[in-house]
Amino acid sequence: ANIRRLRGACFTDRRVRLKNKLGILASLL
């Protein structure tokens, strides 16, 4: 639930580290 709630804003945040952004992309599956 946290991942789904936060992933949109975190993906567009340039400060969020790459590891998290890769996790976000995978979570969309």
mmCIF file of all heavy atoms, coordinates in Angstrom:
data_MODEL
# 
_entry.id   MODEL 
# 
loop_
_atom_site.group_PDB 
_atom_site.id 
_atom_site.type_symbol 
_atom_site.label_atom_id 
_atom_site.label_alt_id 
_atom_site.label_comp_id 
_atom_site.label_asym_id 
_atom_site.label_entity_id 
_atom_site.label_seq_id 
_atom_site.pdbx_PDB_ins_code 
_atom_site.Cartn_x 
_atom_site.Cartn_y 
_atom_site.Cartn_z 
_atom_site.occupancy 
_atom_site.B_iso_or_equiv 
_atom_site.pdbx_formal_charge 
_atom_site.auth_seq_id 
_atom_site.auth_comp_id 
_atom_site.auth_asym_id 
_atom_site.auth_atom_id 
_atom_site.pdbx_PDB_model_num 
ATOM 1   N N   . ALA A 1 1  ? 0.836  -1.206 0.000   1.00 0.00 ? 1  ALA A N   1 
ATOM 2   C CA  . ALA A 1 1  ? 0.000  0.000  0.000   1.00 0.00 ? 1  ALA A CA  1 
ATOM 3   C C   . ALA A 1 1  ? 0.872  1.257  0.000   1.00 0.00 ? 1  ALA A C   1 
ATOM 4   O O   . ALA A 1 1  ? 0.569  2.242  -0.693  1.00 0.00 ? 1  ALA A O   1 
ATOM 5   C CB  . ALA A 1 1  ? -0.939 -0.011 1.205   1.00 0.00 ? 1  ALA A CB  1 
ATOM 6   N N   . ASN A 1 2  ? 1.952  1.228  0.780   1.00 0.00 ? 2  ASN A N   1 
ATOM 7   C CA  . ASN A 1 2  ? 2.883  2.367  0.776   1.00 0.00 ? 2  ASN A CA  1 
ATOM 8   C C   . ASN A 1 2  ? 3.488  2.573  -0.608  1.00 0.00 ? 2  ASN A C   1 
ATOM 9   O O   . ASN A 1 2  ? 3.595  3.703  -1.102  1.00 0.00 ? 2  ASN A O   1 
ATOM 10  C CB  . ASN A 1 2  ? 4.009  2.142  1.787   1.00 0.00 ? 2  ASN A CB  1 
ATOM 11  C CG  . ASN A 1 2  ? 3.578  2.299  3.221   1.00 0.00 ? 2  ASN A CG  1 
ATOM 12  O OD1 . ASN A 1 2  ? 2.597  2.969  3.511   1.00 0.00 ? 2  ASN A OD1 1 
ATOM 13  N ND2 . ASN A 1 2  ? 4.313  1.674  4.129   1.00 0.00 ? 2  ASN A ND2 1 
ATOM 14  N N   . ILE A 1 3  ? 3.913  1.465  -1.222  1.00 0.00 ? 3  ILE A N   1 
ATOM 15  C CA  . ILE A 1 3  ? 4.555  1.550  -2.541  1.00 0.00 ? 3  ILE A CA  1 
ATOM 16  C C   . ILE A 1 3  ? 3.597  2.150  -3.566  1.00 0.00 ? 3  ILE A C   1 
ATOM 17  O O   . ILE A 1 3  ? 3.958  3.054  -4.327  1.00 0.00 ? 3  ILE A O   1 
ATOM 18  C CB  . ILE A 1 3  ? 5.042  0.154  -2.975  1.00 0.00 ? 3  ILE A CB  1 
ATOM 19  C CG1 . ILE A 1 3  ? 6.211  -0.288 -2.080  1.00 0.00 ? 3  ILE A CG1 1 
ATOM 20  C CG2 . ILE A 1 3  ? 5.463  0.155  -4.446  1.00 0.00 ? 3  ILE A CG2 1 
ATOM 21  C CD1 . ILE A 1 3  ? 6.551  -1.763 -2.179  1.00 0.00 ? 3  ILE A CD1 1 
ATOM 22  N N   . ARG A 1 4  ? 2.367  1.690  -3.570  1.00 0.00 ? 4  ARG A N   1 
ATOM 23  C CA  . ARG A 1 4  ? 1.386  2.200  -4.540  1.00 0.00 ? 4  ARG A CA  1 
ATOM 24  C C   . ARG A 1 4  ? 1.068  3.674  -4.278  1.00 0.00 ? 4  ARG A C   1 
ATOM 25  O O   . ARG A 1 4  ? 0.881  4.450  -5.224  1.00 0.00 ? 4  ARG A O   1 
ATOM 26  C CB  . ARG A 1 4  ? 0.110  1.366  -4.484  1.00 0.00 ? 4  ARG A CB  1 
ATOM 27  C CG  . ARG A 1 4  ? 0.302  -0.076 -4.953  1.00 0.00 ? 4  ARG A CG  1 
ATOM 28  C CD  . ARG A 1 4  ? -1.023 -0.802 -5.054  1.00 0.00 ? 4  ARG A CD  1 
ATOM 29  N NE  . ARG A 1 4  ? -1.884 -0.175 -6.058  1.00 0.00 ? 4  ARG A NE  1 
ATOM 30  C CZ  . ARG A 1 4  ? -3.157 -0.504 -6.250  1.00 0.00 ? 4  ARG A CZ  1 
ATOM 31  N NH1 . ARG A 1 4  ? -3.725 -1.440 -5.489  1.00 0.00 ? 4  ARG A NH1 1 
ATOM 32  N NH2 . ARG A 1 4  ? -3.880 0.094  -7.173  1.00 0.00 ? 4  ARG A NH2 1 
ATOM 33  N N   . ARG A 1 5  ? 1.017  4.055  -3.007  1.00 0.00 ? 5  ARG A N   1 
ATOM 34  C CA  . ARG A 1 5  ? 0.698  5.443  -2.666  1.00 0.00 ? 5  ARG A CA  1 
ATOM 35  C C   . ARG A 1 5  ? 1.819  6.409  -3.026  1.00 0.00 ? 5  ARG A C   1 
ATOM 36  O O   . ARG A 1 5  ? 1.574  7.533  -3.458  1.00 0.00 ? 5  ARG A O   1 
ATOM 37  C CB  . ARG A 1 5  ? 0.393  5.537  -1.158  1.00 0.00 ? 5  ARG A CB  1 
ATOM 38  C CG  . ARG A 1 5  ? 0.188  6.958  -0.649  1.00 0.00 ? 5  ARG A CG  1 
ATOM 39  C CD  . ARG A 1 5  ? -0.296 6.970  0.778   1.00 0.00 ? 5  ARG A CD  1 
ATOM 40  N NE  . ARG A 1 5  ? 0.677  6.515  1.738   1.00 0.00 ? 5  ARG A NE  1 
ATOM 41  C CZ  . ARG A 1 5  ? 1.551  7.320  2.354   1.00 0.00 ? 5  ARG A CZ  1 
ATOM 42  N NH1 . ARG A 1 5  ? 1.589  8.615  2.091   1.00 0.00 ? 5  ARG A NH1 1 
ATOM 43  N NH2 . ARG A 1 5  ? 2.396  6.810  3.242   1.00 0.00 ? 5  ARG A NH2 1 
ATOM 44  N N   . LEU A 1 6  ? 3.061  5.953  -2.878  1.00 0.00 ? 6  LEU A N   1 
ATOM 45  C CA  . LEU A 1 6  ? 4.199  6.867  -2.977  1.00 0.00 ? 6  LEU A CA  1 
ATOM 46  C C   . LEU A 1 6  ? 4.911  6.837  -4.324  1.00 0.00 ? 6  LEU A C   1 
ATOM 47  O O   . LEU A 1 6  ? 5.661  7.769  -4.639  1.00 0.00 ? 6  LEU A O   1 
ATOM 48  C CB  . LEU A 1 6  ? 5.217  6.522  -1.872  1.00 0.00 ? 6  LEU A CB  1 
ATOM 49  C CG  . LEU A 1 6  ? 4.721  6.611  -0.428  1.00 0.00 ? 6  LEU A CG  1 
ATOM 50  C CD1 . LEU A 1 6  ? 5.754  6.020  0.517   1.00 0.00 ? 6  LEU A CD1 1 
ATOM 51  C CD2 . LEU A 1 6  ? 4.420  8.056  -0.048  1.00 0.00 ? 6  LEU A CD2 1 
ATOM 52  N N   . ARG A 1 7  ? 4.706  5.786  -5.119  1.00 0.00 ? 7  ARG A N   1 
ATOM 53  C CA  . ARG A 1 7  ? 5.584  5.597  -6.275  1.00 0.00 ? 7  ARG A CA  1 
ATOM 54  C C   . ARG A 1 7  ? 5.448  6.679  -7.337  1.00 0.00 ? 7  ARG A C   1 
ATOM 55  O O   . ARG A 1 7  ? 6.441  7.025  -7.994  1.00 0.00 ? 7  ARG A O   1 
ATOM 56  C CB  . ARG A 1 7  ? 5.358  4.212  -6.874  1.00 0.00 ? 7  ARG A CB  1 
ATOM 57  C CG  . ARG A 1 7  ? 3.969  3.948  -7.440  1.00 0.00 ? 7  ARG A CG  1 
ATOM 58  C CD  . ARG A 1 7  ? 3.825  2.485  -7.815  1.00 0.00 ? 7  ARG A CD  1 
ATOM 59  N NE  . ARG A 1 7  ? 2.462  2.181  -8.276  1.00 0.00 ? 7  ARG A NE  1 
ATOM 60  C CZ  . ARG A 1 7  ? 2.025  0.949  -8.513  1.00 0.00 ? 7  ARG A CZ  1 
ATOM 61  N NH1 . ARG A 1 7  ? 2.823  -0.092 -8.316  1.00 0.00 ? 7  ARG A NH1 1 
ATOM 62  N NH2 . ARG A 1 7  ? 0.778  0.750  -8.939  1.00 0.00 ? 7  ARG A NH2 1 
ATOM 63  N N   . GLY A 1 8  ? 4.270  7.242  -7.525  1.00 0.00 ? 8  GLY A N   1 
ATOM 64  C CA  . GLY A 1 8  ? 4.098  8.262  -8.553  1.00 0.00 ? 8  GLY A CA  1 
ATOM 65  C C   . GLY A 1 8  ? 4.932  9.497  -8.282  1.00 0.00 ? 8  GLY A C   1 
ATOM 66  O O   . GLY A 1 8  ? 5.733  9.937  -9.119  1.00 0.00 ? 8  GLY A O   1 
ATOM 67  N N   . ALA A 1 9  ? 4.775  10.059 -7.082  1.00 0.00 ? 9  ALA A N   1 
ATOM 68  C CA  . ALA A 1 9  ? 5.519  11.276 -6.732  1.00 0.00 ? 9  ALA A CA  1 
ATOM 69  C C   . ALA A 1 9  ? 7.015  11.000 -6.631  1.00 0.00 ? 9  ALA A C   1 
ATOM 70  O O   . ALA A 1 9  ? 7.838  11.830 -7.030  1.00 0.00 ? 9  ALA A O   1 
ATOM 71  C CB  . ALA A 1 9  ? 4.991  11.847 -5.423  1.00 0.00 ? 9  ALA A CB  1 
ATOM 72  N N   . CYS A 1 10 ? 7.376  9.836  -6.109  1.00 0.00 ? 10 CYS A N   1 
ATOM 73  C CA  . CYS A 1 10 ? 8.801  9.519  -5.956  1.00 0.00 ? 10 CYS A CA  1 
ATOM 74  C C   . CYS A 1 10 ? 9.472  9.317  -7.321  1.00 0.00 ? 10 CYS A C   1 
ATOM 75  O O   . CYS A 1 10 ? 10.641 9.676  -7.492  1.00 0.00 ? 10 CYS A O   1 
ATOM 76  C CB  . CYS A 1 10 ? 8.984  8.273  -5.090  1.00 0.00 ? 10 CYS A CB  1 
ATOM 77  S SG  . CYS A 1 10 ? 8.696  8.554  -3.324  1.00 0.00 ? 10 CYS A SG  1 
ATOM 78  N N   . PHE A 1 11 ? 8.738  8.784  -8.280  1.00 0.00 ? 11 PHE A N   1 
ATOM 79  C CA  . PHE A 1 11 ? 9.362  8.544  -9.584  1.00 0.00 ? 11 PHE A CA  1 
ATOM 80  C C   . PHE A 1 11 ? 9.711  9.854  -10.287 1.00 0.00 ? 11 PHE A C   1 
ATOM 81  O O   . PHE A 1 11 ? 10.718 9.939  -10.999 1.00 0.00 ? 11 PHE A O   1 
ATOM 82  C CB  . PHE A 1 11 ? 8.446  7.702  -10.472 1.00 0.00 ? 11 PHE A CB  1 
ATOM 83  C CG  . PHE A 1 11 ? 9.120  7.235  -11.728 1.00 0.00 ? 11 PHE A CG  1 
ATOM 84  C CD1 . PHE A 1 11 ? 10.048 6.205  -11.687 1.00 0.00 ? 11 PHE A CD1 1 
ATOM 85  C CD2 . PHE A 1 11 ? 8.849  7.834  -12.949 1.00 0.00 ? 11 PHE A CD2 1 
ATOM 86  C CE1 . PHE A 1 11 ? 10.694 5.779  -12.841 1.00 0.00 ? 11 PHE A CE1 1 
ATOM 87  C CE2 . PHE A 1 11 ? 9.489  7.415  -14.109 1.00 0.00 ? 11 PHE A CE2 1 
ATOM 88  C CZ  . PHE A 1 11 ? 10.408 6.388  -14.058 1.00 0.00 ? 11 PHE A CZ  1 
ATOM 89  N N   . THR A 1 12 ? 8.913  10.870 -10.080 1.00 0.00 ? 12 THR A N   1 
ATOM 90  C CA  . THR A 1 12 ? 9.170  12.160 -10.731 1.00 0.00 ? 12 THR A CA  1 
ATOM 91  C C   . THR A 1 12 ? 10.079 13.068 -9.919  1.00 0.00 ? 12 THR A C   1 
ATOM 92  O O   . THR A 1 12 ? 10.436 14.154 -10.379 1.00 0.00 ? 12 THR A O   1 
ATOM 93  C CB  . THR A 1 12 ? 7.843  12.892 -10.999 1.00 0.00 ? 12 THR A CB  1 
ATOM 94  O OG1 . THR A 1 12 ? 7.145  13.084 -9.760  1.00 0.00 ? 12 THR A OG1 1 
ATOM 95  C CG2 . THR A 1 12 ? 6.971  12.098 -11.955 1.00 0.00 ? 12 THR A CG2 1 
ATOM 96  N N   . ASP A 1 13 ? 10.465 12.625 -8.724  1.00 0.00 ? 13 ASP A N   1 
ATOM 97  C CA  . ASP A 1 13 ? 11.357 13.408 -7.859  1.00 0.00 ? 13 ASP A CA  1 
ATOM 98  C C   . ASP A 1 13 ? 12.802 13.115 -8.266  1.00 0.00 ? 13 ASP A C   1 
ATOM 99  O O   . ASP A 1 13 ? 13.295 11.993 -8.103  1.00 0.00 ? 13 ASP A O   1 
ATOM 100 C CB  . ASP A 1 13 ? 11.111 13.018 -6.394  1.00 0.00 ? 13 ASP A CB  1 
ATOM 101 C CG  . ASP A 1 13 ? 11.900 13.851 -5.405  1.00 0.00 ? 13 ASP A CG  1 
ATOM 102 O OD1 . ASP A 1 13 ? 12.861 14.537 -5.821  1.00 0.00 ? 13 ASP A OD1 1 
ATOM 103 O OD2 . ASP A 1 13 ? 11.570 13.799 -4.200  1.00 0.00 ? 13 ASP A OD2 1 
ATOM 104 N N   . ARG A 1 14 ? 13.500 14.103 -8.762  1.00 0.00 ? 14 ARG A N   1 
ATOM 105 C CA  . ARG A 1 14 ? 14.857 13.883 -9.270  1.00 0.00 ? 14 ARG A CA  1 
ATOM 106 C C   . ARG A 1 14 ? 15.837 13.491 -8.171  1.00 0.00 ? 14 ARG A C   1 
ATOM 107 O O   . ARG A 1 14 ? 16.911 12.950 -8.451  1.00 0.00 ? 14 ARG A O   1 
ATOM 108 C CB  . ARG A 1 14 ? 15.370 15.141 -9.980  1.00 0.00 ? 14 ARG A CB  1 
ATOM 109 C CG  . ARG A 1 14 ? 15.486 16.362 -9.089  1.00 0.00 ? 14 ARG A CG  1 
ATOM 110 C CD  . ARG A 1 14 ? 15.966 17.587 -9.851  1.00 0.00 ? 14 ARG A CD  1 
ATOM 111 N NE  . ARG A 1 14 ? 16.040 18.760 -9.001  1.00 0.00 ? 14 ARG A NE  1 
ATOM 112 C CZ  . ARG A 1 14 ? 17.058 19.034 -8.210  1.00 0.00 ? 14 ARG A CZ  1 
ATOM 113 N NH1 . ARG A 1 14 ? 18.082 18.197 -8.147  1.00 0.00 ? 14 ARG A NH1 1 
ATOM 114 N NH2 . ARG A 1 14 ? 17.056 20.123 -7.454  1.00 0.00 ? 14 ARG A NH2 1 
ATOM 115 N N   . ARG A 1 15 ? 15.501 13.741 -6.914  1.00 0.00 ? 15 ARG A N   1 
ATOM 116 C CA  . ARG A 1 15 ? 16.420 13.410 -5.813  1.00 0.00 ? 15 ARG A CA  1 
ATOM 117 C C   . ARG A 1 15 ? 16.315 11.948 -5.377  1.00 0.00 ? 15 ARG A C   1 
ATOM 118 O O   . ARG A 1 15 ? 17.192 11.440 -4.682  1.00 0.00 ? 15 ARG A O   1 
ATOM 119 C CB  . ARG A 1 15 ? 16.160 14.312 -4.606  1.00 0.00 ? 15 ARG A CB  1 
ATOM 120 C CG  . ARG A 1 15 ? 16.486 15.786 -4.817  1.00 0.00 ? 15 ARG A CG  1 
ATOM 121 C CD  . ARG A 1 15 ? 16.389 16.519 -3.487  1.00 0.00 ? 15 ARG A CD  1 
ATOM 122 N NE  . ARG A 1 15 ? 16.731 17.927 -3.603  1.00 0.00 ? 15 ARG A NE  1 
ATOM 123 C CZ  . ARG A 1 15 ? 15.852 18.906 -3.778  1.00 0.00 ? 15 ARG A CZ  1 
ATOM 124 N NH1 . ARG A 1 15 ? 14.561 18.609 -3.883  1.00 0.00 ? 15 ARG A NH1 1 
ATOM 125 N NH2 . ARG A 1 15 ? 16.234 20.159 -3.860  1.00 0.00 ? 15 ARG A NH2 1 
ATOM 126 N N   . VAL A 1 16 ? 15.233 11.279 -5.739  1.00 0.00 ? 16 VAL A N   1 
ATOM 127 C CA  . VAL A 1 16 ? 15.055 9.879  -5.328  1.00 0.00 ? 16 VAL A CA  1 
ATOM 128 C C   . VAL A 1 16 ? 16.113 9.030  -6.027  1.00 0.00 ? 16 VAL A C   1 
ATOM 129 O O   . VAL A 1 16 ? 16.327 9.144  -7.236  1.00 0.00 ? 16 VAL A O   1 
ATOM 130 C CB  . VAL A 1 16 ? 13.642 9.388  -5.664  1.00 0.00 ? 16 VAL A CB  1 
ATOM 131 C CG1 . VAL A 1 16 ? 13.516 7.882  -5.448  1.00 0.00 ? 16 VAL A CG1 1 
ATOM 132 C CG2 . VAL A 1 16 ? 12.609 10.143 -4.823  1.00 0.00 ? 16 VAL A CG2 1 
ATOM 133 N N   . ARG A 1 17 ? 16.745 8.154  -5.266  1.00 0.00 ? 17 ARG A N   1 
ATOM 134 C CA  . ARG A 1 17 ? 17.859 7.394  -5.815  1.00 0.00 ? 17 ARG A CA  1 
ATOM 135 C C   . ARG A 1 17 ? 17.395 6.383  -6.864  1.00 0.00 ? 17 ARG A C   1 
ATOM 136 O O   . ARG A 1 17 ? 16.246 5.916  -6.843  1.00 0.00 ? 17 ARG A O   1 
ATOM 137 C CB  . ARG A 1 17 ? 18.649 6.709  -4.703  1.00 0.00 ? 17 ARG A CB  1 
ATOM 138 C CG  . ARG A 1 17 ? 17.874 5.736  -3.849  1.00 0.00 ? 17 ARG A CG  1 
ATOM 139 C CD  . ARG A 1 17 ? 18.759 5.201  -2.741  1.00 0.00 ? 17 ARG A CD  1 
ATOM 140 N NE  . ARG A 1 17 ? 18.062 4.178  -1.959  1.00 0.00 ? 17 ARG A NE  1 
ATOM 141 C CZ  . ARG A 1 17 ? 18.673 3.332  -1.166  1.00 0.00 ? 17 ARG A CZ  1 
ATOM 142 N NH1 . ARG A 1 17 ? 19.988 3.370  -1.029  1.00 0.00 ? 17 ARG A NH1 1 
ATOM 143 N NH2 . ARG A 1 17 ? 17.994 2.440  -0.484  1.00 0.00 ? 17 ARG A NH2 1 
ATOM 144 N N   . LEU A 1 18 ? 18.318 6.049  -7.772  1.00 0.00 ? 18 LEU A N   1 
ATOM 145 C CA  . LEU A 1 18 ? 18.004 5.192  -8.912  1.00 0.00 ? 18 LEU A CA  1 
ATOM 146 C C   . LEU A 1 18 ? 17.449 3.841  -8.471  1.00 0.00 ? 18 LEU A C   1 
ATOM 147 O O   . LEU A 1 18 ? 16.538 3.290  -9.102  1.00 0.00 ? 18 LEU A O   1 
ATOM 148 C CB  . LEU A 1 18 ? 19.264 5.005  -9.763  1.00 0.00 ? 18 LEU A CB  1 
ATOM 149 C CG  . LEU A 1 18 ? 19.121 4.099  -10.992 1.00 0.00 ? 18 LEU A CG  1 
ATOM 150 C CD1 . LEU A 1 18 ? 18.085 4.653  -11.964 1.00 0.00 ? 18 LEU A CD1 1 
ATOM 151 C CD2 . LEU A 1 18 ? 20.472 3.926  -11.672 1.00 0.00 ? 18 LEU A CD2 1 
ATOM 152 N N   . LYS A 1 19 ? 17.987 3.282  -7.395  1.00 0.00 ? 19 LYS A N   1 
ATOM 153 C CA  . LYS A 1 19 ? 17.536 1.978  -6.909  1.00 0.00 ? 19 LYS A CA  1 
ATOM 154 C C   . LYS A 1 19 ? 16.032 1.985  -6.632  1.00 0.00 ? 19 LYS A C   1 
ATOM 155 O O   . LYS A 1 19 ? 15.315 1.037  -6.966  1.00 0.00 ? 19 LYS A O   1 
ATOM 156 C CB  . LYS A 1 19 ? 18.315 1.617  -5.647  1.00 0.00 ? 19 LYS A CB  1 
ATOM 157 C CG  . LYS A 1 19 ? 18.014 0.250  -5.079  1.00 0.00 ? 19 LYS A CG  1 
ATOM 158 C CD  . LYS A 1 19 ? 18.895 -0.017 -3.863  1.00 0.00 ? 19 LYS A CD  1 
ATOM 159 C CE  . LYS A 1 19 ? 18.618 -1.383 -3.273  1.00 0.00 ? 19 LYS A CE  1 
ATOM 160 N NZ  . LYS A 1 19 ? 19.478 -1.640 -2.071  1.00 0.00 ? 19 LYS A NZ  1 
ATOM 161 N N   . ASN A 1 20 ? 15.546 3.057  -6.018  1.00 0.00 ? 20 ASN A N   1 
ATOM 162 C CA  . ASN A 1 20 ? 14.118 3.165  -5.739  1.00 0.00 ? 20 ASN A CA  1 
ATOM 163 C C   . ASN A 1 20 ? 13.317 3.305  -7.033  1.00 0.00 ? 20 ASN A C   1 
ATOM 164 O O   . ASN A 1 20 ? 12.220 2.751  -7.165  1.00 0.00 ? 20 ASN A O   1 
ATOM 165 C CB  . ASN A 1 20 ? 13.837 4.364  -4.831  1.00 0.00 ? 20 ASN A CB  1 
ATOM 166 C CG  . ASN A 1 20 ? 14.052 4.037  -3.366  1.00 0.00 ? 20 ASN A CG  1 
ATOM 167 O OD1 . ASN A 1 20 ? 14.350 2.908  -3.015  1.00 0.00 ? 20 ASN A OD1 1 
ATOM 168 N ND2 . ASN A 1 20 ? 13.921 5.033  -2.512  1.00 0.00 ? 20 ASN A ND2 1 
ATOM 169 N N   . LYS A 1 21 ? 13.854 4.051  -7.994  1.00 0.00 ? 21 LYS A N   1 
ATOM 170 C CA  . LYS A 1 21 ? 13.122 4.252  -9.240  1.00 0.00 ? 21 LYS A CA  1 
ATOM 171 C C   . LYS A 1 21 ? 13.016 2.949  -10.040 1.00 0.00 ? 21 LYS A C   1 
ATOM 172 O O   . LYS A 1 21 ? 11.992 2.678  -10.677 1.00 0.00 ? 21 LYS A O   1 
ATOM 173 C CB  . LYS A 1 21 ? 13.773 5.359  -10.057 1.00 0.00 ? 21 LYS A CB  1 
ATOM 174 C CG  . LYS A 1 21 ? 13.624 6.725  -9.393  1.00 0.00 ? 21 LYS A CG  1 
ATOM 175 C CD  . LYS A 1 21 ? 13.930 7.877  -10.299 1.00 0.00 ? 21 LYS A CD  1 
ATOM 176 C CE  . LYS A 1 21 ? 13.630 9.189  -9.596  1.00 0.00 ? 21 LYS A CE  1 
ATOM 177 N NZ  . LYS A 1 21 ? 13.823 10.374 -10.462 1.00 0.00 ? 21 LYS A NZ  1 
ATOM 178 N N   . LEU A 1 22 ? 14.050 2.137  -9.997  1.00 0.00 ? 22 LEU A N   1 
ATOM 179 C CA  . LEU A 1 22 ? 13.969 0.828  -10.648 1.00 0.00 ? 22 LEU A CA  1 
ATOM 180 C C   . LEU A 1 22 ? 12.923 -0.047 -9.961  1.00 0.00 ? 22 LEU A C   1 
ATOM 181 O O   . LEU A 1 22 ? 12.179 -0.781 -10.615 1.00 0.00 ? 22 LEU A O   1 
ATOM 182 C CB  . LEU A 1 22 ? 15.334 0.149  -10.623 1.00 0.00 ? 22 LEU A CB  1 
ATOM 183 C CG  . LEU A 1 22 ? 16.430 0.806  -11.482 1.00 0.00 ? 22 LEU A CG  1 
ATOM 184 C CD1 . LEU A 1 22 ? 17.763 0.115  -11.260 1.00 0.00 ? 22 LEU A CD1 1 
ATOM 185 C CD2 . LEU A 1 22 ? 16.042 0.792  -12.955 1.00 0.00 ? 22 LEU A CD2 1 
ATOM 186 N N   . GLY A 1 23 ? 12.867 0.037  -8.629  1.00 0.00 ? 23 GLY A N   1 
ATOM 187 C CA  . GLY A 1 23 ? 11.845 -0.704 -7.893  1.00 0.00 ? 23 GLY A CA  1 
ATOM 188 C C   . GLY A 1 23 ? 10.448 -0.229 -8.255  1.00 0.00 ? 23 GLY A C   1 
ATOM 189 O O   . GLY A 1 23 ? 9.519  -1.041 -8.381  1.00 0.00 ? 23 GLY A O   1 
ATOM 190 N N   . ILE A 1 24 ? 10.292 1.083  -8.449  1.00 0.00 ? 24 ILE A N   1 
ATOM 191 C CA  . ILE A 1 24 ? 8.992  1.629  -8.838  1.00 0.00 ? 24 ILE A CA  1 
ATOM 192 C C   . ILE A 1 24 ? 8.563  1.064  -10.189 1.00 0.00 ? 24 ILE A C   1 
ATOM 193 O O   . ILE A 1 24 ? 7.419  0.627  -10.362 1.00 0.00 ? 24 ILE A O   1 
ATOM 194 C CB  . ILE A 1 24 ? 9.055  3.165  -8.883  1.00 0.00 ? 24 ILE A CB  1 
ATOM 195 C CG1 . ILE A 1 24 ? 9.175  3.732  -7.462  1.00 0.00 ? 24 ILE A CG1 1 
ATOM 196 C CG2 . ILE A 1 24 ? 7.813  3.729  -9.567  1.00 0.00 ? 24 ILE A CG2 1 
ATOM 197 C CD1 . ILE A 1 24 ? 9.495  5.210  -7.408  1.00 0.00 ? 24 ILE A CD1 1 
ATOM 198 N N   . LEU A 1 25 ? 9.476  1.066  -11.145 1.00 0.00 ? 25 LEU A N   1 
ATOM 199 C CA  . LEU A 1 25 ? 9.146  0.550  -12.474 1.00 0.00 ? 25 LEU A CA  1 
ATOM 200 C C   . LEU A 1 25 ? 8.722  -0.916 -12.396 1.00 0.00 ? 25 LEU A C   1 
ATOM 201 O O   . LEU A 1 25 ? 7.744  -1.336 -13.034 1.00 0.00 ? 25 LEU A O   1 
ATOM 202 C CB  . LEU A 1 25 ? 10.341 0.713  -13.415 1.00 0.00 ? 25 LEU A CB  1 
ATOM 203 C CG  . LEU A 1 25 ? 10.668 2.151  -13.851 1.00 0.00 ? 25 LEU A CG  1 
ATOM 204 C CD1 . LEU A 1 25 ? 11.954 2.179  -14.652 1.00 0.00 ? 25 LEU A CD1 1 
ATOM 205 C CD2 . LEU A 1 25 ? 9.514  2.738  -14.666 1.00 0.00 ? 25 LEU A CD2 1 
ATOM 206 N N   . ALA A 1 26 ? 9.453  -1.691 -11.607 1.00 0.00 ? 26 ALA A N   1 
ATOM 207 C CA  . ALA A 1 26 ? 9.111  -3.108 -11.466 1.00 0.00 ? 26 ALA A CA  1 
ATOM 208 C C   . ALA A 1 26 ? 7.768  -3.283 -10.773 1.00 0.00 ? 26 ALA A C   1 
ATOM 209 O O   . ALA A 1 26 ? 6.996  -4.195 -11.093 1.00 0.00 ? 26 ALA A O   1 
ATOM 210 C CB  . ALA A 1 26 ? 10.210 -3.836 -10.703 1.00 0.00 ? 26 ALA A CB  1 
ATOM 211 N N   . SER A 1 27 ? 7.463  -2.408 -9.837  1.00 0.00 ? 27 SER A N   1 
ATOM 212 C CA  . SER A 1 27 ? 6.204  -2.534 -9.097  1.00 0.00 ? 27 SER A CA  1 
ATOM 213 C C   . SER A 1 27 ? 4.989  -2.299 -9.989  1.00 0.00 ? 27 SER A C   1 
ATOM 214 O O   . SER A 1 27 ? 3.889  -2.782 -9.687  1.00 0.00 ? 27 SER A O   1 
ATOM 215 C CB  . SER A 1 27 ? 6.188  -1.552 -7.917  1.00 0.00 ? 27 SER A CB  1 
ATOM 216 O OG  . SER A 1 27 ? 5.941  -0.215 -8.343  1.00 0.00 ? 27 SER A OG  1 
ATOM 217 N N   . LEU A 1 28 ? 5.171  -1.570 -11.070 1.00 0.00 ? 28 LEU A N   1 
ATOM 218 C CA  . LEU A 1 28 ? 4.062  -1.300 -11.989 1.00 0.00 ? 28 LEU A CA  1 
ATOM 219 C C   . LEU A 1 28 ? 3.583  -2.582 -12.673 1.00 0.00 ? 28 LEU A C   1 
ATOM 220 O O   . LEU A 1 28 ? 2.470  -2.619 -13.220 1.00 0.00 ? 28 LEU A O   1 
ATOM 221 C CB  . LEU A 1 28 ? 4.482  -0.263 -13.034 1.00 0.00 ? 28 LEU A CB  1 
ATOM 222 C CG  . LEU A 1 28 ? 4.790  1.134  -12.483 1.00 0.00 ? 28 LEU A CG  1 
ATOM 223 C CD1 . LEU A 1 28 ? 5.340  2.028  -13.590 1.00 0.00 ? 28 LEU A CD1 1 
ATOM 224 C CD2 . LEU A 1 28 ? 3.551  1.761  -11.841 1.00 0.00 ? 28 LEU A CD2 1 
ATOM 225 N N   . LEU A 1 29 ? 4.408  -3.615 -12.653 1.00 0.00 ? 29 LEU A N   1 
ATOM 226 C CA  . LEU A 1 29 ? 4.040  -4.902 -13.236 1.00 0.00 ? 29 LEU A CA  1 
ATOM 227 C C   . LEU A 1 29 ? 3.167  -5.742 -12.296 1.00 0.00 ? 29 LEU A C   1 
ATOM 228 O O   . LEU A 1 29 ? 2.715  -6.829 -12.670 1.00 0.00 ? 29 LEU A O   1 
ATOM 229 C CB  . LEU A 1 29 ? 5.301  -5.689 -13.604 1.00 0.00 ? 29 LEU A CB  1 
ATOM 230 C CG  . LEU A 1 29 ? 6.244  -5.006 -14.595 1.00 0.00 ? 29 LEU A CG  1 
ATOM 231 C CD1 . LEU A 1 29 ? 7.530  -5.821 -14.753 1.00 0.00 ? 29 LEU A CD1 1 
ATOM 232 C CD2 . LEU A 1 29 ? 5.555  -4.800 -15.940 1.00 0.00 ? 29 LEU A CD2 1 
# 
